[in-house]
Amino acid sequence: MASTSYKRIGILGGMGPAATADLYLAIVALCQQRYGARYDSDYPQMIINSIPAPDVVERLVVERLPDEARLVAMLEQGVQTLESAGADFVVIACNTVHAFHAELASAVSIPVLDLVEETVAAVHRAGHRRVGLLGTGMTLDRGIYRRPCQRRGVDLLEPDERQQRRLTELIMDILAGRYTQQRCTARLSELMTELQNQGSEAVILGCTDLSSVAPDQSPIPLYDTTQILARAALREATNPPTMTKPTSTGS
């Protein structure tokens, strides 16, 4: 394998813990596939901060979370901890808390990659005009994907109330470990097929916890946000560092 120089990856996780582990393993797999990584020294340094964030899943209608200020403070401290630990940039292993991406990007001096923008850009590059979204109630309620899709001329199809209840139950089963792979994959595939029947050309798995039960053979083009974030993290980790322009002192 050719020697690869990586920047240090900071992962803000815990939302949920298993999705954080999935992201770590996805980055490891990409290093093996792309760069022939074999030895421990062949992988980037990854600093993981898994925080016990307040629930952002079991809320179907969200105006403002009662503990939103505490959540944002925890997230800001989380990215600051990663920066202090030496991370060169941060990725967040959760779609829902990208509702606060601007606040988190402002809390540190290192880049915080935007998973939502990365995902919608991938959908747009593929030429899809109408895409379905499966995510938490808060992801839908805050319209996290709506504006990025509108900017690129992509029509976003969101679940109805009945579908969202089923999806929330599925996510909570995954978080609690109350599932078999086969059963949950079948439930997810049913929801994807329903969105396809409603006119979706593709589906965004807009919750990283869904990645663990994504079908191997999808009935419709699938955008797995864990895999998208892993690719974005490795892309950033292998990019040359941005040079800061020297300040002119004048004469």
C-alpha atoms as a PDB file:
ATOM      1  CA  MET A   1       0.000   0.000   0.000  1.00  0.00           C
ATOM      2  CA  ALA A   2       1.174   3.526  -0.808  1.00  0.00           C
ATOM      3  CA  SER A   3       1.703   5.630   2.284  1.00  0.00           C
ATOM      4  CA  THR A   4      -1.340   7.823   3.024  1.00  0.00           C
ATOM      5  CA  SER A   5      -1.173  10.888   5.209  1.00  0.00           C
ATOM      6  CA  TYR A   6      -4.378  11.593   7.080  1.00  0.00           C
ATOM      7  CA  LYS A   7      -5.780  14.462   9.041  1.00  0.00           C
ATOM      8  CA  ARG A   8      -7.237  13.561  12.445  1.00  0.00           C
ATOM      9  CA  ILE A   9     -10.967  12.834  12.323  1.00  0.00           C
ATOM     10  CA  GLY A  10     -13.166  13.972  15.187  1.00  0.00           C
ATOM     11  CA  ILE A  11     -16.450  12.069  15.517  1.00  0.00           C
ATOM     12  CA  LEU A  12     -19.241  13.535  17.632  1.00  0.00           C
ATOM     13  CA  GLY A  13     -21.411  10.556  18.431  1.00  0.00           C
ATOM     14  CA  GLY A  14     -23.692   8.912  20.952  1.00  0.00           C
ATOM     15  CA  MET A  15     -26.808   9.714  18.907  1.00  0.00           C
ATOM     16  CA  GLY A  16     -27.086   6.752  18.933  1.00  0.00           C
ATOM     17  CA  PRO A  17     -24.046   4.844  20.166  1.00  0.00           C
ATOM     18  CA  ALA A  18     -24.429   1.978  17.679  1.00  0.00           C
ATOM     19  CA  ALA A  19     -24.665   4.428  14.761  1.00  0.00           C
ATOM     20  CA  THR A  20     -21.398   5.981  15.950  1.00  0.00           C
ATOM     21  CA  ALA A  21     -19.734   2.567  15.875  1.00  0.00           C
ATOM     22  CA  ASP A  22     -21.171   1.959  12.399  1.00  0.00           C
ATOM     23  CA  LEU A  23     -19.604   5.194  11.149  1.00  0.00           C
ATOM     24  CA  TYR A  24     -16.211   4.257  12.602  1.00  0.00           C
ATOM     25  CA  LEU A  25     -16.352   0.834  10.947  1.00  0.00           C
ATOM     26  CA  ALA A  26     -17.488   2.366   7.641  1.00  0.00           C
ATOM     27  CA  ILE A  27     -14.409   4.617   7.618  1.00  0.00           C
ATOM     28  CA  VAL A  28     -12.191   1.628   8.406  1.00  0.00           C
ATOM     29  CA  ALA A  29     -13.740  -0.355   5.532  1.00  0.00           C
ATOM     30  CA  LEU A  30     -13.209   2.533   3.110  1.00  0.00           C
ATOM     31  CA  CYS A  31      -9.524   2.733   4.057  1.00  0.00           C
ATOM     32  CA  GLN A  32      -9.197  -0.970   3.271  1.00  0.00           C
ATOM     33  CA  GLN A  33     -11.048  -0.691  -0.043  1.00  0.00           C
ATOM     34  CA  ARG A  34      -9.432   2.510  -1.325  1.00  0.00           C
ATOM     35  CA  TYR A  35      -5.943   2.388   0.113  1.00  0.00           C
ATOM     36  CA  GLY A  36      -5.364  -1.274   0.889  1.00  0.00           C
ATOM     37  CA  ALA A  37      -5.113  -0.538   4.623  1.00  0.00           C
ATOM     38  CA  ARG A  38      -3.800  -3.578   6.459  1.00  0.00           C
ATOM     39  CA  TYR A  39      -1.733  -2.523   9.452  1.00  0.00           C
ATOM     40  CA  ASP A  40      -2.901  -0.386  12.356  1.00  0.00           C
ATOM     41  CA  SER A  41      -0.671   2.411  11.091  1.00  0.00           C
ATOM     42  CA  ASP A  42      -2.554   2.441   7.766  1.00  0.00           C
ATOM     43  CA  TYR A  43      -5.645   4.075   9.277  1.00  0.00           C
ATOM     44  CA  PRO A  44      -6.377   7.685  10.255  1.00  0.00           C
ATOM     45  CA  GLN A  45      -6.442   8.724  13.877  1.00  0.00           C
ATOM     46  CA  MET A  46     -10.082   8.984  14.938  1.00  0.00           C
ATOM     47  CA  ILE A  47     -11.134  10.733  18.119  1.00  0.00           C
ATOM     48  CA  ILE A  48     -14.649   9.762  19.220  1.00  0.00           C
ATOM     49  CA  ASN A  49     -16.683  11.767  21.711  1.00  0.00           C
ATOM     50  CA  SER A  50     -19.875   9.827  22.433  1.00  0.00           C
ATOM     51  CA  ILE A  51     -22.180  12.090  24.432  1.00  0.00           C
ATOM     52  CA  PRO A  52     -25.358  11.126  26.368  1.00  0.00           C
ATOM     53  CA  ALA A  53     -27.593  13.579  24.520  1.00  0.00           C
ATOM     54  CA  PRO A  54     -31.276  14.123  25.405  1.00  0.00           C
ATOM     55  CA  ASP A  55     -33.766  12.171  23.283  1.00  0.00           C
ATOM     56  CA  VAL A  56     -34.387  13.554  19.799  1.00  0.00           C
ATOM     57  CA  VAL A  57     -36.240  10.520  18.390  1.00  0.00           C
ATOM     58  CA  GLU A  58     -39.560   9.965  20.214  1.00  0.00           C
ATOM     59  CA  ARG A  59     -40.972  13.384  19.338  1.00  0.00           C
ATOM     60  CA  LEU A  60     -43.409  13.482  16.450  1.00  0.00           C
ATOM     61  CA  VAL A  61     -44.254  17.185  16.683  1.00  0.00           C
ATOM     62  CA  VAL A  62     -41.521  19.469  17.943  1.00  0.00           C
ATOM     63  CA  GLU A  63     -41.862  23.238  18.305  1.00  0.00           C
ATOM     64  CA  ARG A  64     -38.986  23.574  20.724  1.00  0.00           C
ATOM     65  CA  LEU A  65     -37.483  20.825  22.847  1.00  0.00           C
ATOM     66  CA  PRO A  66     -37.947  21.532  26.581  1.00  0.00           C
ATOM     67  CA  ASP A  67     -34.259  20.765  27.076  1.00  0.00           C
ATOM     68  CA  GLU A  68     -33.052  22.217  23.769  1.00  0.00           C
ATOM     69  CA  ALA A  69     -30.692  24.708  25.396  1.00  0.00           C
ATOM     70  CA  ARG A  70     -29.065  21.864  27.338  1.00  0.00           C
ATOM     71  CA  LEU A  71     -28.788  19.779  24.178  1.00  0.00           C
ATOM     72  CA  VAL A  72     -27.131  22.571  22.208  1.00  0.00           C
ATOM     73  CA  ALA A  73     -24.738  23.271  25.091  1.00  0.00           C
ATOM     74  CA  MET A  74     -23.774  19.579  25.193  1.00  0.00           C
ATOM     75  CA  LEU A  75     -23.225  19.502  21.440  1.00  0.00           C
ATOM     76  CA  GLU A  76     -21.115  22.659  21.497  1.00  0.00           C
ATOM     77  CA  GLN A  77     -19.020  21.299  24.349  1.00  0.00           C
ATOM     78  CA  GLY A  78     -18.753  18.027  22.419  1.00  0.00           C
ATOM     79  CA  VAL A  79     -17.208  19.603  19.325  1.00  0.00           C
ATOM     80  CA  GLN A  80     -14.981  21.813  21.465  1.00  0.00           C
ATOM     81  CA  THR A  81     -13.689  18.739  23.282  1.00  0.00           C
ATOM     82  CA  LEU A  82     -12.797  17.162  19.936  1.00  0.00           C
ATOM     83  CA  GLU A  83     -10.981  20.304  18.849  1.00  0.00           C
ATOM     84  CA  SER A  84      -9.048  20.425  22.123  1.00  0.00           C
ATOM     85  CA  ALA A  85      -8.138  16.752  21.691  1.00  0.00           C
ATOM     86  CA  GLY A  86      -6.466  17.523  18.371  1.00  0.00           C
ATOM     87  CA  ALA A  87      -9.113  16.774  15.750  1.00  0.00           C
ATOM     88  CA  ASP A  88      -8.537  18.580  12.454  1.00  0.00           C
ATOM     89  CA  PHE A  89     -12.235  18.507  11.584  1.00  0.00           C
ATOM     90  CA  VAL A  90     -15.487  17.075  12.957  1.00  0.00           C
ATOM     91  CA  VAL A  91     -18.215  14.823  11.600  1.00  0.00           C
ATOM     92  CA  ILE A  92     -21.492  14.297  13.451  1.00  0.00           C
ATOM     93  CA  ALA A  93     -22.916  10.775  13.367  1.00  0.00           C
ATOM     94  CA  CYS A  94     -26.533  11.961  13.557  1.00  0.00           C
ATOM     95  CA  ASN A  95     -28.841  13.634  11.041  1.00  0.00           C
ATOM     96  CA  THR A  96     -31.238  15.127  13.585  1.00  0.00           C
ATOM     97  CA  VAL A  97     -28.769  17.341  15.440  1.00  0.00           C
ATOM     98  CA  HIS A  98     -27.755  18.914  12.136  1.00  0.00           C
ATOM     99  CA  ALA A  99     -30.643  21.231  12.996  1.00  0.00           C
ATOM    100  CA  PHE A 100     -27.936  22.952  15.066  1.00  0.00           C
ATOM    101  CA  HIS A 101     -25.093  22.671  12.550  1.00  0.00           C
ATOM    102  CA  ALA A 102     -24.618  26.440  12.314  1.00  0.00           C
ATOM    103  CA  GLU A 103     -24.224  26.750  16.089  1.00  0.00           C
ATOM    104  CA  LEU A 104     -21.733  23.888  16.221  1.00  0.00           C
ATOM    105  CA  ALA A 105     -19.691  25.195  13.298  1.00  0.00           C
ATOM    106  CA  SER A 106     -19.483  28.555  15.075  1.00  0.00           C
ATOM    107  CA  ALA A 107     -18.375  26.953  18.355  1.00  0.00           C
ATOM    108  CA  VAL A 108     -15.007  25.767  16.982  1.00  0.00           C
ATOM    109  CA  SER A 109     -12.298  26.982  14.622  1.00  0.00           C
ATOM    110  CA  ILE A 110     -12.028  23.664  12.739  1.00  0.00           C
ATOM    111  CA  PRO A 111     -14.436  22.534   9.975  1.00  0.00           C
ATOM    112  CA  VAL A 112     -17.648  20.715  10.937  1.00  0.00           C
ATOM    113  CA  LEU A 113     -18.818  18.751   7.901  1.00  0.00           C
ATOM    114  CA  ASP A 114     -22.496  19.058   6.989  1.00  0.00           C
ATOM    115  CA  LEU A 115     -24.038  15.611   6.498  1.00  0.00           C
ATOM    116  CA  VAL A 116     -27.304  17.002   5.121  1.00  0.00           C
ATOM    117  CA  GLU A 117     -25.552  19.063   2.444  1.00  0.00           C
ATOM    118  CA  GLU A 118     -23.335  16.099   1.543  1.00  0.00           C
ATOM    119  CA  THR A 119     -26.391  13.872   1.130  1.00  0.00           C
ATOM    120  CA  VAL A 120     -28.508  16.265  -0.920  1.00  0.00           C
ATOM    121  CA  ALA A 121     -25.517  17.024  -3.146  1.00  0.00           C
ATOM    122  CA  ALA A 122     -25.170  13.280  -3.843  1.00  0.00           C
ATOM    123  CA  VAL A 123     -28.874  13.037  -4.719  1.00  0.00           C
ATOM    124  CA  HIS A 124     -28.588  16.035  -7.045  1.00  0.00           C
ATOM    125  CA  ARG A 125     -25.480  14.681  -8.787  1.00  0.00           C
ATOM    126  CA  ALA A 126     -27.387  11.470  -9.543  1.00  0.00           C
ATOM    127  CA  GLY A 127     -30.111  13.486 -11.259  1.00  0.00           C
ATOM    128  CA  HIS A 128     -33.012  12.479  -9.000  1.00  0.00           C
ATOM    129  CA  ARG A 129     -35.883  14.955  -9.118  1.00  0.00           C
ATOM    130  CA  ARG A 130     -38.039  13.491  -6.331  1.00  0.00           C
ATOM    131  CA  VAL A 131     -36.630  11.759  -3.271  1.00  0.00           C
ATOM    132  CA  GLY A 132     -38.229  10.250  -0.180  1.00  0.00           C
ATOM    133  CA  LEU A 133     -36.894  10.933   3.312  1.00  0.00           C
ATOM    134  CA  LEU A 134     -36.911   8.546   6.271  1.00  0.00           C
ATOM    135  CA  GLY A 135     -35.759  10.217   9.484  1.00  0.00           C
ATOM    136  CA  THR A 136     -36.768  11.123  13.011  1.00  0.00           C
ATOM    137  CA  GLY A 137     -39.801  13.250  13.784  1.00  0.00           C
ATOM    138  CA  MET A 138     -37.527  16.125  14.686  1.00  0.00           C
ATOM    139  CA  THR A 139     -35.597  15.848  11.398  1.00  0.00           C
ATOM    140  CA  LEU A 140     -38.870  16.224   9.518  1.00  0.00           C
ATOM    141  CA  ASP A 141     -40.345  18.801  11.890  1.00  0.00           C
ATOM    142  CA  ARG A 142     -37.354  21.121  11.644  1.00  0.00           C
ATOM    143  CA  GLY A 143     -37.245  20.753   7.857  1.00  0.00           C
ATOM    144  CA  ILE A 144     -33.541  19.939   7.938  1.00  0.00           C
ATOM    145  CA  TYR A 145     -33.602  18.509   4.411  1.00  0.00           C
ATOM    146  CA  ARG A 146     -36.218  20.811   2.875  1.00  0.00           C
ATOM    147  CA  ARG A 147     -34.153  23.910   2.157  1.00  0.00           C
ATOM    148  CA  PRO A 148     -31.114  22.048   0.777  1.00  0.00           C
ATOM    149  CA  CYS A 149     -33.442  20.094  -1.519  1.00  0.00           C
ATOM    150  CA  GLN A 150     -35.285  23.232  -2.634  1.00  0.00           C
ATOM    151  CA  ARG A 151     -32.002  24.972  -3.494  1.00  0.00           C
ATOM    152  CA  ARG A 152     -31.130  22.117  -5.851  1.00  0.00           C
ATOM    153  CA  GLY A 153     -34.582  21.695  -7.350  1.00  0.00           C
ATOM    154  CA  VAL A 154     -35.218  18.327  -5.682  1.00  0.00           C
ATOM    155  CA  ASP A 155     -38.786  17.559  -4.589  1.00  0.00           C
ATOM    156  CA  LEU A 156     -38.778  16.022  -1.096  1.00  0.00           C
ATOM    157  CA  LEU A 157     -41.415  13.440  -0.149  1.00  0.00           C
ATOM    158  CA  GLU A 158     -41.812  12.955   3.607  1.00  0.00           C
ATOM    159  CA  PRO A 159     -43.718  10.170   5.417  1.00  0.00           C
ATOM    160  CA  ASP A 160     -47.286  10.750   6.491  1.00  0.00           C
ATOM    161  CA  GLU A 161     -48.253  10.539  10.168  1.00  0.00           C
ATOM    162  CA  ARG A 162     -48.936   6.794  10.063  1.00  0.00           C
ATOM    163  CA  GLN A 163     -45.680   6.030   8.294  1.00  0.00           C
ATOM    164  CA  GLN A 164     -43.756   8.254  10.698  1.00  0.00           C
ATOM    165  CA  ARG A 165     -45.162   6.417  13.730  1.00  0.00           C
ATOM    166  CA  ARG A 166     -43.990   3.108  12.252  1.00  0.00           C
ATOM    167  CA  LEU A 167     -40.589   4.573  11.480  1.00  0.00           C
ATOM    168  CA  THR A 168     -40.158   5.991  14.988  1.00  0.00           C
ATOM    169  CA  GLU A 169     -41.034   2.595  16.484  1.00  0.00           C
ATOM    170  CA  LEU A 170     -38.434   0.992  14.220  1.00  0.00           C
ATOM    171  CA  ILE A 171     -35.716   3.465  15.221  1.00  0.00           C
ATOM    172  CA  MET A 172     -36.480   3.007  18.921  1.00  0.00           C
ATOM    173  CA  ASP A 173     -36.327  -0.785  18.523  1.00  0.00           C
ATOM    174  CA  ILE A 174     -32.885  -0.419  16.932  1.00  0.00           C
ATOM    175  CA  LEU A 175     -31.691   1.921  19.700  1.00  0.00           C
ATOM    176  CA  ALA A 176     -32.898  -0.481  22.377  1.00  0.00           C
ATOM    177  CA  GLY A 177     -31.542  -3.594  20.652  1.00  0.00           C
ATOM    178  CA  ARG A 178     -35.077  -5.006  20.429  1.00  0.00           C
ATOM    179  CA  TYR A 179     -34.858  -6.364  16.938  1.00  0.00           C
ATOM    180  CA  THR A 180     -33.686  -9.029  14.602  1.00  0.00           C
ATOM    181  CA  GLN A 181     -31.891  -7.877  11.490  1.00  0.00           C
ATOM    182  CA  GLN A 182     -34.333  -9.660   9.200  1.00  0.00           C
ATOM    183  CA  ARG A 183     -37.457  -8.238  10.859  1.00  0.00           C
ATOM    184  CA  CYS A 184     -36.249  -4.645  10.914  1.00  0.00           C
ATOM    185  CA  THR A 185     -34.903  -4.781   7.386  1.00  0.00           C
ATOM    186  CA  ALA A 186     -38.304  -6.026   6.229  1.00  0.00           C
ATOM    187  CA  ARG A 187     -40.065  -3.159   8.045  1.00  0.00           C
ATOM    188  CA  LEU A 188     -37.688  -0.607   6.550  1.00  0.00           C
ATOM    189  CA  SER A 189     -38.103  -2.068   3.062  1.00  0.00           C
ATOM    190  CA  GLU A 190     -41.885  -1.772   3.392  1.00  0.00           C
ATOM    191  CA  LEU A 191     -41.599   1.941   4.146  1.00  0.00           C
ATOM    192  CA  MET A 192     -39.182   2.451   1.270  1.00  0.00           C
ATOM    193  CA  THR A 193     -41.533   0.664  -1.133  1.00  0.00           C
ATOM    194  CA  GLU A 194     -44.437   2.826   0.025  1.00  0.00           C
ATOM    195  CA  LEU A 195     -42.456   5.994  -0.734  1.00  0.00           C
ATOM    196  CA  GLN A 196     -41.523   4.534  -4.124  1.00  0.00           C
ATOM    197  CA  ASN A 197     -45.203   3.874  -4.846  1.00  0.00           C
ATOM    198  CA  GLN A 198     -45.907   7.508  -3.974  1.00  0.00           C
ATOM    199  CA  GLY A 199     -43.492   8.677  -6.652  1.00  0.00           C
ATOM    200  CA  SER A 200     -40.050   8.733  -5.020  1.00  0.00           C
ATOM    201  CA  GLU A 201     -37.172   8.011  -7.375  1.00  0.00           C
ATOM    202  CA  ALA A 202     -34.825   7.346  -4.445  1.00  0.00           C
ATOM    203  CA  VAL A 203     -34.872   7.285  -0.629  1.00  0.00           C
ATOM    204  CA  ILE A 204     -32.619   9.028   1.867  1.00  0.00           C
ATOM    205  CA  LEU A 205     -31.982   7.050   5.060  1.00  0.00           C
ATOM    206  CA  GLY A 206     -31.978  10.289   7.045  1.00  0.00           C
ATOM    207  CA  CYS A 207     -31.249   8.593  10.364  1.00  0.00           C
ATOM    208  CA  THR A 208     -27.858   6.967  10.881  1.00  0.00           C
ATOM    209  CA  ASP A 209     -29.418   4.297  13.113  1.00  0.00           C
ATOM    210  CA  LEU A 210     -31.231   2.918  10.062  1.00  0.00           C
ATOM    211  CA  SER A 211     -27.969   2.045   8.343  1.00  0.00           C
ATOM    212  CA  SER A 212     -27.548  -1.133  10.379  1.00  0.00           C
ATOM    213  CA  VAL A 213     -30.781  -2.583   8.935  1.00  0.00           C
ATOM    214  CA  ALA A 214     -30.546  -1.257   5.373  1.00  0.00           C
ATOM    215  CA  PRO A 215     -31.373  -3.961   2.812  1.00  0.00           C
ATOM    216  CA  ASP A 216     -28.489  -5.379   0.786  1.00  0.00           C
ATOM    217  CA  GLN A 217     -30.675  -5.240  -2.306  1.00  0.00           C
ATOM    218  CA  SER A 218     -32.851  -2.147  -2.151  1.00  0.00           C
ATOM    219  CA  PRO A 219     -36.082  -1.922  -4.170  1.00  0.00           C
ATOM    220  CA  ILE A 220     -35.167   1.726  -4.906  1.00  0.00           C
ATOM    221  CA  PRO A 221     -31.906   3.741  -5.045  1.00  0.00           C
ATOM    222  CA  LEU A 222     -30.839   4.288  -1.457  1.00  0.00           C
ATOM    223  CA  TYR A 223     -28.767   7.069   0.102  1.00  0.00           C
ATOM    224  CA  ASP A 224     -27.298   5.700   3.322  1.00  0.00           C
ATOM    225  CA  THR A 225     -26.180   8.744   5.323  1.00  0.00           C
ATOM    226  CA  THR A 226     -23.675   6.752   7.382  1.00  0.00           C
ATOM    227  CA  GLN A 227     -21.870   5.686   4.213  1.00  0.00           C
ATOM    228  CA  ILE A 228     -22.100   9.205   2.786  1.00  0.00           C
ATOM    229  CA  LEU A 229     -20.606  10.663   5.968  1.00  0.00           C
ATOM    230  CA  ALA A 230     -17.822   8.055   5.986  1.00  0.00           C
ATOM    231  CA  ARG A 231     -16.876   8.992   2.424  1.00  0.00           C
ATOM    232  CA  ALA A 232     -16.949  12.701   3.271  1.00  0.00           C
ATOM    233  CA  ALA A 233     -14.785  12.105   6.357  1.00  0.00           C
ATOM    234  CA  LEU A 234     -12.172  10.181   4.387  1.00  0.00           C
ATOM    235  CA  ARG A 235     -12.209  12.782   1.624  1.00  0.00           C
ATOM    236  CA  GLU A 236     -11.541  15.530   4.169  1.00  0.00           C
ATOM    237  CA  ALA A 237      -8.950  13.425   5.987  1.00  0.00           C
ATOM    238  CA  THR A 238      -6.918  12.966   2.797  1.00  0.00           C
ATOM    239  CA  ASN A 239      -7.220  16.564   1.555  1.00  0.00           C
ATOM    240  CA  PRO A 240      -4.187  18.775   2.083  1.00  0.00           C
ATOM    241  CA  PRO A 241      -4.651  21.139   5.022  1.00  0.00           C
ATOM    242  CA  THR A 242      -5.909  24.612   4.218  1.00  0.00           C
ATOM    243  CA  MET A 243      -3.105  27.139   4.552  1.00  0.00           C
ATOM    244  CA  THR A 244      -3.880  30.283   6.494  1.00  0.00           C
ATOM    245  CA  LYS A 245      -2.841  33.412   4.655  1.00  0.00           C
ATOM    246  CA  PRO A 246      -0.235  35.408   6.566  1.00  0.00           C
ATOM    247  CA  THR A 247      -1.417  38.704   7.966  1.00  0.00           C
ATOM    248  CA  SER A 248       0.154  41.676   6.276  1.00  0.00           C
ATOM    249  CA  THR A 249       1.931  43.905   8.749  1.00  0.00           C
ATOM    250  CA  GLY A 250       2.496  46.753   6.331  1.00  0.00           C
ATOM    251  CA  SER A 251       5.542  48.980   6.381  1.00  0.00           C
END
